Amino acid sequence: MKLDQFVLIIVSTLSLAAVAIAVLVFLAGAVFTPGLALIVAVPAGIVAYVVIRVITDRAGNAEDDYYDRIEK
């Protein structure tokens, strides 16, 4: 594995972990604040739904695999 790919994986993983922790802390704070939980939960649910739909669409689309069939 090339060094640049390794660094990209490490940076991506750490960034994702930081975002996940920030979202969890934000949601935990919203849950313990009366009235704010619903205001935060609805948009967070919509964003989660959109992210899951985009990932499943990209993973299941045969047209996106075009470059996988090209010989290098």
N, C-alpha and C. Protein backbone atom coordinates (compact mmCIF):
# COMPACT_ATOMS: atom_id res chain seq x y z
N MET A 1 0.84 -1.16 0.00
CA MET A 1 0.00 0.00 0.00
C MET A 1 0.90 1.24 0.00
N LYS A 2 0.54 2.18 -0.85
CA LYS A 2 1.33 3.40 -0.93
C LYS A 2 1.11 4.25 0.32
N LEU A 3 2.10 5.08 0.60
CA LEU A 3 2.05 5.92 1.79
C LEU A 3 0.89 6.91 1.71
N ASP A 4 0.64 7.49 0.53
CA ASP A 4 -0.44 8.46 0.41
C ASP A 4 -1.81 7.83 0.64
N GLN A 5 -1.99 6.59 0.21
CA GLN A 5 -3.26 5.90 0.47
C GLN A 5 -3.41 5.60 1.96
N PHE A 6 -2.32 5.21 2.59
CA PHE A 6 -2.35 4.92 4.02
C PHE A 6 -2.69 6.17 4.81
N VAL A 7 -2.08 7.29 4.47
CA VAL A 7 -2.36 8.55 5.16
C VAL A 7 -3.81 8.97 4.92
N LEU A 8 -4.30 8.78 3.70
CA LEU A 8 -5.69 9.12 3.39
C LEU A 8 -6.66 8.30 4.24
N ILE A 9 -6.37 7.03 4.40
CA ILE A 9 -7.22 6.16 5.22
C ILE A 9 -7.20 6.62 6.68
N ILE A 10 -6.02 6.92 7.19
CA ILE A 10 -5.89 7.36 8.58
C ILE A 10 -6.62 8.68 8.80
N VAL A 11 -6.42 9.64 7.90
CA VAL A 11 -7.06 10.95 8.04
C VAL A 11 -8.57 10.82 7.93
N SER A 12 -9.04 10.02 6.99
CA SER A 12 -10.48 9.82 6.82
C SER A 12 -11.09 9.17 8.05
N THR A 13 -10.42 8.18 8.59
CA THR A 13 -10.93 7.49 9.77
C THR A 13 -10.98 8.42 10.98
N LEU A 14 -9.93 9.18 11.18
CA LEU A 14 -9.91 10.10 12.31
C LEU A 14 -10.95 11.21 12.15
N SER A 15 -11.13 11.69 10.93
CA SER A 15 -12.13 12.73 10.67
C SER A 15 -13.53 12.20 10.93
N LEU A 16 -13.80 10.99 10.46
CA LEU A 16 -15.11 10.38 10.69
C LEU A 16 -15.36 10.17 12.18
N ALA A 17 -14.34 9.73 12.90
CA ALA A 17 -14.49 9.53 14.34
C ALA A 17 -14.77 10.86 15.04
N ALA A 18 -14.08 11.91 14.65
CA ALA A 18 -14.29 13.22 15.26
C ALA A 18 -15.70 13.74 14.99
N VAL A 19 -16.17 13.57 13.76
CA VAL A 19 -17.53 14.01 13.42
C VAL A 19 -18.56 13.19 14.19
N ALA A 20 -18.34 11.89 14.29
CA ALA A 20 -19.27 11.02 15.01
C ALA A 20 -19.35 11.41 16.49
N ILE A 21 -18.21 11.69 17.09
CA ILE A 21 -18.19 12.10 18.50
C ILE A 21 -18.89 13.44 18.68
N ALA A 22 -18.64 14.37 17.76
CA ALA A 22 -19.29 15.68 17.85
C ALA A 22 -20.80 15.57 17.72
N VAL A 23 -21.27 14.74 16.81
CA VAL A 23 -22.71 14.54 16.63
C VAL A 23 -23.31 13.89 17.87
N LEU A 24 -22.63 12.89 18.41
CA LEU A 24 -23.15 12.23 19.61
C LEU A 24 -23.21 13.17 20.80
N VAL A 25 -22.21 14.00 20.97
CA VAL A 25 -22.22 14.97 22.06
C VAL A 25 -23.34 15.98 21.86
N PHE A 26 -23.51 16.42 20.63
CA PHE A 26 -24.58 17.37 20.33
C PHE A 26 -25.95 16.77 20.60
N LEU A 27 -26.15 15.52 20.16
CA LEU A 27 -27.43 14.85 20.40
C LEU A 27 -27.66 14.58 21.88
N ALA A 28 -26.61 14.22 22.60
CA ALA A 28 -26.75 14.00 24.04
C ALA A 28 -27.13 15.30 24.75
N GLY A 29 -26.54 16.38 24.34
CA GLY A 29 -26.91 17.68 24.92
C GLY A 29 -28.33 18.06 24.58
N ALA A 30 -28.77 17.73 23.38
CA ALA A 30 -30.14 18.04 22.98
C ALA A 30 -31.16 17.21 23.75
N VAL A 31 -30.81 15.97 24.04
CA VAL A 31 -31.73 15.10 24.78
C VAL A 31 -31.93 15.62 26.20
N PHE A 32 -30.89 16.11 26.80
CA PHE A 32 -30.99 16.58 28.18
C PHE A 32 -31.52 18.01 28.29
N THR A 33 -31.74 18.67 27.16
CA THR A 33 -32.33 20.00 27.17
C THR A 33 -33.80 19.86 26.79
N PRO A 34 -34.70 20.19 27.68
CA PRO A 34 -36.13 20.00 27.39
C PRO A 34 -36.58 20.83 26.18
N GLY A 35 -37.32 20.19 25.30
CA GLY A 35 -37.88 20.88 24.14
C GLY A 35 -36.95 20.92 22.94
N LEU A 36 -35.68 20.75 23.16
CA LEU A 36 -34.73 20.83 22.05
C LEU A 36 -34.53 19.48 21.38
N ALA A 37 -34.88 18.41 22.06
CA ALA A 37 -34.64 17.07 21.52
C ALA A 37 -35.38 16.84 20.22
N LEU A 38 -36.64 17.22 20.15
CA LEU A 38 -37.43 17.01 18.93
C LEU A 38 -36.93 17.90 17.80
N ILE A 39 -36.53 19.11 18.14
CA ILE A 39 -36.03 20.04 17.12
C ILE A 39 -34.75 19.50 16.50
N VAL A 40 -33.95 18.80 17.26
CA VAL A 40 -32.69 18.24 16.76
C VAL A 40 -32.91 16.87 16.13
N ALA A 41 -33.81 16.08 16.69
CA ALA A 41 -33.99 14.69 16.23
C ALA A 41 -34.55 14.62 14.82
N VAL A 42 -35.48 15.49 14.47
CA VAL A 42 -36.09 15.43 13.15
C VAL A 42 -35.07 15.73 12.04
N PRO A 43 -34.34 16.85 12.08
CA PRO A 43 -33.34 17.07 11.03
C PRO A 43 -32.22 16.03 11.03
N ALA A 44 -31.82 15.56 12.21
CA ALA A 44 -30.78 14.53 12.27
C ALA A 44 -31.27 13.24 11.63
N GLY A 45 -32.52 12.89 11.84
CA GLY A 45 -33.09 11.71 11.20
C GLY A 45 -33.17 11.86 9.69
N ILE A 46 -33.54 13.04 9.23
CA ILE A 46 -33.61 13.28 7.78
C ILE A 46 -32.22 13.18 7.16
N VAL A 47 -31.23 13.78 7.79
CA VAL A 47 -29.86 13.71 7.27
C VAL A 47 -29.36 12.27 7.26
N ALA A 48 -29.64 11.53 8.31
CA ALA A 48 -29.22 10.12 8.36
C ALA A 48 -29.89 9.32 7.25
N TYR A 49 -31.17 9.56 7.01
CA TYR A 49 -31.89 8.87 5.94
C TYR A 49 -31.28 9.17 4.58
N VAL A 50 -30.98 10.45 4.32
CA VAL A 50 -30.40 10.83 3.03
C VAL A 50 -29.02 10.21 2.85
N VAL A 51 -28.20 10.22 3.89
CA VAL A 51 -26.86 9.63 3.80
C VAL A 51 -26.95 8.14 3.52
N ILE A 52 -27.84 7.44 4.21
CA ILE A 52 -27.99 6.00 3.98
C ILE A 52 -28.49 5.72 2.58
N ARG A 53 -29.43 6.52 2.08
CA ARG A 53 -29.94 6.31 0.72
C ARG A 53 -28.86 6.55 -0.33
N VAL A 54 -28.04 7.59 -0.15
CA VAL A 54 -26.96 7.88 -1.10
C VAL A 54 -25.94 6.75 -1.10
N ILE A 55 -25.56 6.27 0.06
CA ILE A 55 -24.56 5.20 0.14
C ILE A 55 -25.09 3.93 -0.50
N THR A 56 -26.34 3.56 -0.21
CA THR A 56 -26.89 2.33 -0.80
C THR A 56 -27.07 2.47 -2.30
N ASP A 57 -27.43 3.66 -2.76
CA ASP A 57 -27.58 3.87 -4.20
C ASP A 57 -26.24 3.78 -4.91
N ARG A 58 -25.21 4.38 -4.33
CA ARG A 58 -23.89 4.34 -4.95
C ARG A 58 -23.30 2.94 -4.91
N ALA A 59 -23.55 2.20 -3.86
CA ALA A 59 -23.01 0.84 -3.74
C ALA A 59 -23.72 -0.14 -4.65
N GLY A 60 -24.99 0.09 -4.94
CA GLY A 60 -25.75 -0.85 -5.74
C GLY A 60 -25.87 -0.50 -7.21
N ASN A 61 -25.27 0.59 -7.65
CA ASN A 61 -25.41 1.04 -9.02
C ASN A 61 -24.33 0.40 -9.89
N ALA A 62 -24.75 -0.33 -10.93
CA ALA A 62 -23.80 -1.01 -11.80
C ALA A 62 -23.02 -0.03 -12.68
N GLU A 63 -23.60 1.12 -12.98
CA GLU A 63 -22.91 2.11 -13.82
C GLU A 63 -21.68 2.69 -13.13
N ASP A 64 -21.68 2.70 -11.82
CA ASP A 64 -20.54 3.23 -11.08
C ASP A 64 -19.34 2.29 -11.11
N ASP A 65 -19.56 1.05 -11.52
CA ASP A 65 -18.48 0.06 -11.57
C ASP A 65 -17.75 0.05 -12.91
N TYR A 66 -18.00 1.04 -13.75
CA TYR A 66 -17.39 1.08 -15.07
C TYR A 66 -15.87 1.08 -14.99
N TYR A 67 -15.31 1.88 -14.11
CA TYR A 67 -13.86 1.99 -14.03
C TYR A 67 -13.22 0.77 -13.38
N ASP A 68 -14.00 -0.04 -12.70
CA ASP A 68 -13.46 -1.27 -12.12
C ASP A 68 -13.15 -2.31 -13.19
N ARG A 69 -13.83 -2.22 -14.34
CA ARG A 69 -13.63 -3.19 -15.41
C ARG A 69 -12.49 -2.81 -16.36
N ILE A 70 -12.00 -1.61 -16.27
CA ILE A 70 -10.92 -1.15 -17.15
C ILE A 70 -9.60 -1.73 -16.66
N GLU A 71 -8.84 -2.29 -17.60
CA GLU A 71 -7.53 -2.84 -17.24
C GLU A 71 -6.55 -1.70 -17.03
N LYS A 72 -5.68 -1.89 -16.07
CA LYS A 72 -4.71 -0.83 -15.76
C LYS A 72 -3.38 -1.15 -16.37
